[in-house]
Amino acid sequence: MDFDELQAAADLQWLVQCPALIASHQAYTFGAIEPSKPDWGAVKRFLDTKTAHRVGYYVEALVQALLESEASISELQHGLQIRREKETLGELDFLFQQDGKLHHLEVALKLYLCYPEGAENGSHFVGPNATDSFERKRDRLLGKQLPFGREFFPKIEKSQHAVKGMIFYHPSGEGRVPLPELLNPEHARGVWIRESELESLLARWPSHRSGRILKKPFWLAARGEELSVDEIEAATRHHFTKWDGPVYLAGFECGREVERIFVMPECWPQKR
């Protein structure tokens, strides 16, 4: 996959500015991005791999590039596998020295849809892959991933997380549910609909609004060709004739992003 520095820079800026999804005292705050940095080597290497379509791995590559540009950070390790004899027990996203302290950092981009009926896993905040949920990620991160680092590296003084993302709400607004514990009330928000609702949603768009279809792994900053309403509808319909994954859209007015939308298959959260 070709490397586009403008795309990478916009995606990193989006990631840094996006509100934290999990509000806890262990949330990590990224430093400012200096104009002449970062070195994009980690991103270029990632885009050359067979997993270049994986959004989560792309986010890790962006964070690696940012951490490598921080003068106060040294001895940075990424994707550190923990083994016991021949068994892999787990992996740490990042381990590094900063201000004389050993840091462990877990990062993620998570997008959840508010589903008032509740999915089979019991959550009302469900991923496009409905086996995932906000509560599952929160509990695994705070109850397993962060403690796991200290178990094998007792000298860790700071165990932190940078979980960024958005919550998508259905425009009907029906069946509002309370936020789960530790879901940041100031989270970024979007809209989700089913394929059958696409025409009515686009009909409500102002005549001057355009859109962009976001392709993996570039689900952060919405760059690329702007499409008309008719082009968006045609491309989305075509998508669902071949695949049952979502279509991810960004709406624009006067060159400014105004809306993020997940268009889901009719069967979601079940699989076909």
Protein backbone atom coordinates (compact mmCIF):
# COMPACT_ATOMS: atom_id res chain seq x y z
CA MET A 1 0.00 0.00 0.00
CA ASP A 2 1.41 3.39 -1.02
CA PHE A 3 2.46 5.83 1.70
CA ASP A 4 0.84 9.28 1.66
CA GLU A 5 2.51 11.67 4.11
CA LEU A 6 -0.42 14.11 4.06
CA GLN A 7 -2.81 11.28 4.93
CA ALA A 8 -0.55 10.02 7.73
CA ALA A 9 -0.11 13.51 9.17
CA ALA A 10 -3.87 14.17 9.08
CA ASP A 11 -4.60 10.78 10.66
CA LEU A 12 -2.11 11.36 13.46
CA GLN A 13 -3.52 14.82 14.14
CA TRP A 14 -7.04 13.35 14.26
CA LEU A 15 -5.89 10.65 16.68
CA VAL A 16 -4.18 13.10 19.02
CA GLN A 17 -7.17 15.48 19.07
CA CYS A 18 -9.86 12.80 19.40
CA PRO A 19 -11.31 12.67 22.95
CA ALA A 20 -10.41 9.64 25.04
CA LEU A 21 -13.13 6.98 24.97
CA ILE A 22 -12.31 5.51 28.39
CA ALA A 23 -12.21 8.10 31.14
CA SER A 24 -9.87 6.90 33.86
CA HIS A 25 -6.88 8.20 35.79
CA GLN A 26 -4.68 5.96 33.63
CA ALA A 27 -5.51 7.79 30.37
CA TYR A 28 -2.39 8.93 28.49
CA THR A 29 -2.11 12.42 26.99
CA PHE A 30 -0.11 12.74 23.79
CA GLY A 31 2.33 15.59 23.43
CA ALA A 32 2.09 18.20 20.68
CA ILE A 33 3.13 17.18 17.18
CA GLU A 34 6.12 19.26 16.11
CA PRO A 35 5.95 20.61 12.52
CA SER A 36 9.15 18.88 11.34
CA LYS A 37 8.24 15.52 12.89
CA PRO A 38 7.55 12.65 13.16
CA ASP A 39 9.71 10.23 11.23
CA TRP A 40 7.20 8.15 9.26
CA GLY A 41 9.36 5.03 9.08
CA ALA A 42 7.07 2.96 11.29
CA VAL A 43 4.02 3.87 9.18
CA LYS A 44 5.80 3.12 5.90
CA ARG A 45 6.90 -0.27 7.19
CA PHE A 46 3.39 -1.10 8.35
CA LEU A 47 1.81 -0.19 5.01
CA ASP A 48 4.17 -2.66 3.34
CA THR A 49 2.83 -5.57 5.42
CA LYS A 50 0.02 -8.03 4.69
CA THR A 51 -1.99 -6.50 7.56
CA ALA A 52 -2.06 -3.00 6.04
CA HIS A 53 -5.88 -3.06 6.03
CA ARG A 54 -6.06 -3.42 9.82
CA VAL A 55 -7.12 -0.13 11.39
CA GLY A 56 -5.85 -1.04 14.86
CA TYR A 57 -2.37 -1.87 13.62
CA TYR A 58 -2.29 1.35 11.61
CA VAL A 59 -3.09 3.31 14.77
CA GLU A 60 -0.20 1.58 16.55
CA ALA A 61 2.15 2.57 13.71
CA LEU A 62 1.03 6.19 13.98
CA VAL A 63 1.58 6.18 17.73
CA GLN A 64 5.00 4.60 17.30
CA ALA A 65 5.98 7.38 14.89
CA LEU A 66 4.81 9.99 17.40
CA LEU A 67 6.57 8.40 20.40
CA GLU A 68 9.79 8.05 18.41
CA SER A 69 9.70 11.80 17.77
CA GLU A 70 9.50 12.64 21.48
CA ALA A 71 12.94 13.71 22.71
CA SER A 72 12.05 12.72 26.28
CA ILE A 73 11.31 9.10 25.29
CA SER A 74 14.02 6.45 24.98
CA GLU A 75 14.35 2.66 24.79
CA LEU A 76 11.03 2.43 22.97
CA GLN A 77 9.77 -1.10 22.32
CA HIS A 78 6.65 -1.86 20.28
CA GLY A 79 4.72 -5.12 20.11
CA LEU A 80 6.74 -6.68 22.89
CA GLN A 81 5.78 -10.34 23.14
CA ILE A 82 5.86 -12.00 26.54
CA ARG A 83 6.85 -15.66 26.42
CA ARG A 84 7.24 -18.43 28.93
CA GLU A 85 9.29 -21.24 27.44
CA LYS A 86 7.61 -21.81 24.03
CA GLU A 87 4.25 -20.29 24.97
CA THR A 88 3.29 -16.71 24.07
CA LEU A 89 1.39 -15.28 27.02
CA GLY A 90 0.59 -11.86 25.64
CA GLU A 91 1.95 -8.68 24.13
CA LEU A 92 2.57 -5.11 25.28
CA ASP A 93 1.81 -2.37 22.76
CA PHE A 94 4.57 -0.03 23.99
CA LEU A 95 7.24 -0.02 26.68
CA PHE A 96 9.55 2.98 27.05
CA GLN A 97 11.57 5.20 29.35
CA GLN A 98 10.41 8.77 29.96
CA ASP A 99 11.49 11.18 32.68
CA GLY A 100 13.46 8.43 34.36
CA LYS A 101 10.41 6.16 34.61
CA LEU A 102 9.43 2.96 32.84
CA HIS A 103 6.09 3.35 31.03
CA HIS A 104 3.68 0.77 29.64
CA LEU A 105 1.16 2.12 27.11
CA GLU A 106 -1.74 0.32 25.44
CA VAL A 107 -3.39 2.04 22.48
CA ALA A 108 -6.57 1.40 20.48
CA LEU A 109 -9.11 3.01 18.20
CA LYS A 110 -12.63 1.81 19.04
CA LEU A 111 -15.87 2.63 17.24
CA TYR A 112 -19.09 1.50 18.91
CA LEU A 113 -22.74 1.73 17.88
CA CYS A 114 -25.37 2.49 20.52
CA TYR A 115 -27.88 -0.33 20.10
CA PRO A 116 -30.77 0.15 22.55
CA GLU A 117 -32.13 -3.39 22.10
CA GLY A 118 -28.84 -4.85 23.31
CA ALA A 119 -26.74 -7.31 21.35
CA GLU A 120 -26.33 -10.97 22.20
CA ASN A 121 -23.34 -10.12 24.39
CA GLY A 122 -25.62 -7.99 26.60
CA SER A 123 -24.08 -4.64 25.69
CA HIS A 124 -25.82 -1.58 24.25
CA PHE A 125 -22.49 -0.24 22.89
CA VAL A 126 -21.43 -2.68 20.22
CA GLY A 127 -18.71 -2.71 17.58
CA PRO A 128 -19.34 -3.13 13.85
CA ASN A 129 -18.20 -6.66 14.66
CA ALA A 130 -20.90 -7.29 17.23
CA THR A 131 -18.76 -9.67 19.28
CA ASP A 132 -16.91 -6.56 20.49
CA SER A 133 -18.36 -4.10 23.00
CA PHE A 134 -17.25 -1.13 25.05
CA GLU A 135 -17.56 -3.05 28.31
CA ARG A 136 -15.50 -5.94 26.99
CA LYS A 137 -12.68 -3.63 25.91
CA ARG A 138 -12.81 -1.62 29.16
CA ASP A 139 -12.68 -4.70 31.37
CA ARG A 140 -9.94 -6.42 29.38
CA LEU A 141 -7.81 -3.28 29.25
CA LEU A 142 -8.05 -2.31 32.91
CA GLY A 143 -8.38 -5.79 34.38
CA LYS A 144 -5.91 -7.71 32.25
CA GLN A 145 -3.76 -5.79 29.75
CA LEU A 146 -2.37 -3.08 32.04
CA PRO A 147 -1.80 -5.37 35.07
CA PHE A 148 -0.15 -7.90 32.73
CA GLY A 149 2.68 -5.47 32.03
CA ARG A 150 3.53 -4.98 35.69
CA GLU A 151 3.43 -8.72 36.26
CA PHE A 152 6.39 -9.24 33.93
CA PHE A 153 8.07 -5.84 34.31
CA PRO A 154 7.83 -4.93 38.01
CA LYS A 155 9.82 -1.74 37.38
CA ILE A 156 6.95 -0.22 35.39
CA GLU A 157 5.92 2.96 37.20
CA LYS A 158 3.18 4.12 34.85
CA SER A 159 0.65 1.82 33.17
CA GLN A 160 -1.50 3.90 30.82
CA HIS A 161 -3.90 3.63 27.92
CA ALA A 162 -4.76 5.77 24.93
CA VAL A 163 -8.13 4.44 23.76
CA LYS A 164 -9.60 6.86 21.24
CA GLY A 165 -12.78 6.51 19.23
CA MET A 166 -16.41 7.43 18.66
CA ILE A 167 -19.91 6.35 19.62
CA PHE A 168 -22.53 6.22 16.85
CA TYR A 169 -26.21 6.81 17.56
CA HIS A 170 -29.25 5.96 15.47
CA PRO A 171 -31.04 9.14 14.27
CA SER A 172 -34.39 7.94 15.63
CA GLY A 173 -33.07 8.72 19.09
CA GLU A 174 -35.32 6.01 20.50
CA GLY A 175 -34.47 3.85 23.48
CA ARG A 176 -31.69 5.95 24.91
CA VAL A 177 -29.61 3.99 27.39
CA PRO A 178 -27.30 5.16 30.19
CA LEU A 179 -23.61 5.32 29.43
CA PRO A 180 -21.51 2.43 30.74
CA GLU A 181 -19.14 3.08 33.60
CA LEU A 182 -15.98 4.94 32.48
CA LEU A 183 -17.32 5.82 29.03
CA ASN A 184 -16.21 9.43 28.62
CA PRO A 185 -19.39 11.57 28.49
CA GLU A 186 -17.52 13.99 26.21
CA HIS A 187 -16.90 11.30 23.60
CA ALA A 188 -16.91 12.02 19.88
CA ARG A 189 -20.25 11.16 18.24
CA GLY A 190 -21.51 9.91 14.92
CA VAL A 191 -24.62 8.38 13.36
CA TRP A 192 -25.45 4.82 12.32
CA ILE A 193 -28.20 3.58 10.04
CA ARG A 194 -29.10 0.44 8.14
CA GLU A 195 -28.76 0.14 4.38
CA SER A 196 -32.53 0.50 3.94
CA GLU A 197 -32.39 3.90 5.67
CA LEU A 198 -29.67 5.35 3.45
CA GLU A 199 -31.97 7.01 0.93
CA SER A 200 -33.99 8.82 3.60
CA LEU A 201 -30.84 9.99 5.40
CA LEU A 202 -29.26 11.34 2.22
CA ALA A 203 -32.55 13.04 1.30
CA ARG A 204 -32.22 15.16 4.44
CA TRP A 205 -28.76 16.38 3.49
CA PRO A 206 -28.54 20.02 2.35
CA SER A 207 -27.98 20.41 -1.38
CA HIS A 208 -24.44 21.71 -0.83
CA ARG A 209 -23.31 18.74 1.27
CA SER A 210 -20.94 16.16 -0.17
CA GLY A 211 -19.40 13.04 1.29
CA ARG A 212 -16.39 10.77 1.37
CA ILE A 213 -16.24 7.01 1.75
CA LEU A 214 -13.49 6.00 4.16
CA LYS A 215 -11.47 2.90 3.32
CA LYS A 216 -9.45 0.81 5.76
CA PRO A 217 -7.04 1.48 7.34
CA PHE A 218 -7.72 5.20 6.83
CA TRP A 219 -10.71 5.52 9.16
CA LEU A 220 -9.32 8.51 11.06
CA ALA A 221 -9.04 11.77 9.13
CA ALA A 222 -11.53 11.90 6.26
CA ARG A 223 -9.41 12.72 3.22
CA GLY A 224 -9.95 11.84 -0.42
CA GLU A 225 -12.38 12.44 -3.22
CA GLU A 226 -15.64 14.18 -2.36
CA LEU A 227 -18.71 12.48 -3.82
CA SER A 228 -22.20 13.69 -4.56
CA VAL A 229 -25.25 12.23 -2.83
CA ASP A 230 -26.04 10.10 -5.89
CA GLU A 231 -22.47 8.80 -6.07
CA ILE A 232 -22.48 7.90 -2.38
CA GLU A 233 -25.77 6.04 -2.68
CA ALA A 234 -24.65 4.14 -5.78
CA ALA A 235 -21.31 3.14 -4.25
CA THR A 236 -22.95 2.03 -1.02
CA ARG A 237 -25.60 -0.05 -2.80
CA HIS A 238 -22.88 -1.69 -4.87
CA HIS A 239 -20.87 -2.47 -1.72
CA PHE A 240 -23.75 -4.40 -0.16
CA THR A 241 -24.20 -6.54 -3.24
CA LYS A 242 -20.79 -8.04 -2.54
CA TRP A 243 -19.98 -7.62 1.17
CA ASP A 244 -21.77 -7.59 4.51
CA GLY A 245 -19.33 -5.25 6.25
CA PRO A 246 -20.27 -1.62 6.96
CA VAL A 247 -19.73 1.43 4.77
CA TYR A 248 -18.10 4.32 6.66
CA LEU A 249 -18.97 7.83 5.46
CA ALA A 250 -18.01 11.40 6.28
CA GLY A 251 -20.29 14.31 5.35
CA PHE A 252 -18.76 17.66 4.33
CA GLU A 253 -20.04 21.20 3.97
CA CYS A 254 -17.86 23.98 2.55
CA GLY A 255 -14.77 21.81 2.97
CA ARG A 256 -15.48 21.08 6.65
CA GLU A 257 -16.44 17.70 8.06
CA VAL A 258 -19.86 17.81 9.74
CA GLU A 259 -20.86 14.18 10.23
CA ARG A 260 -19.62 10.59 10.47
CA ILE A 261 -21.95 7.77 9.48
CA PHE A 262 -21.83 3.98 9.64
CA VAL A 263 -24.14 2.30 7.13
CA MET A 264 -24.78 -1.20 8.45
CA PRO A 265 -26.19 -4.28 6.72
CA GLU A 266 -29.80 -5.14 7.50
CA CYS A 267 -28.75 -8.22 9.50
CA TRP A 268 -26.49 -6.34 11.93
CA PRO A 269 -25.74 -7.13 14.78
CA GLN A 270 -26.31 -10.71 13.64
CA LYS A 271 -24.27 -12.21 10.83
CA ARG A 272 -25.76 -13.43 7.57
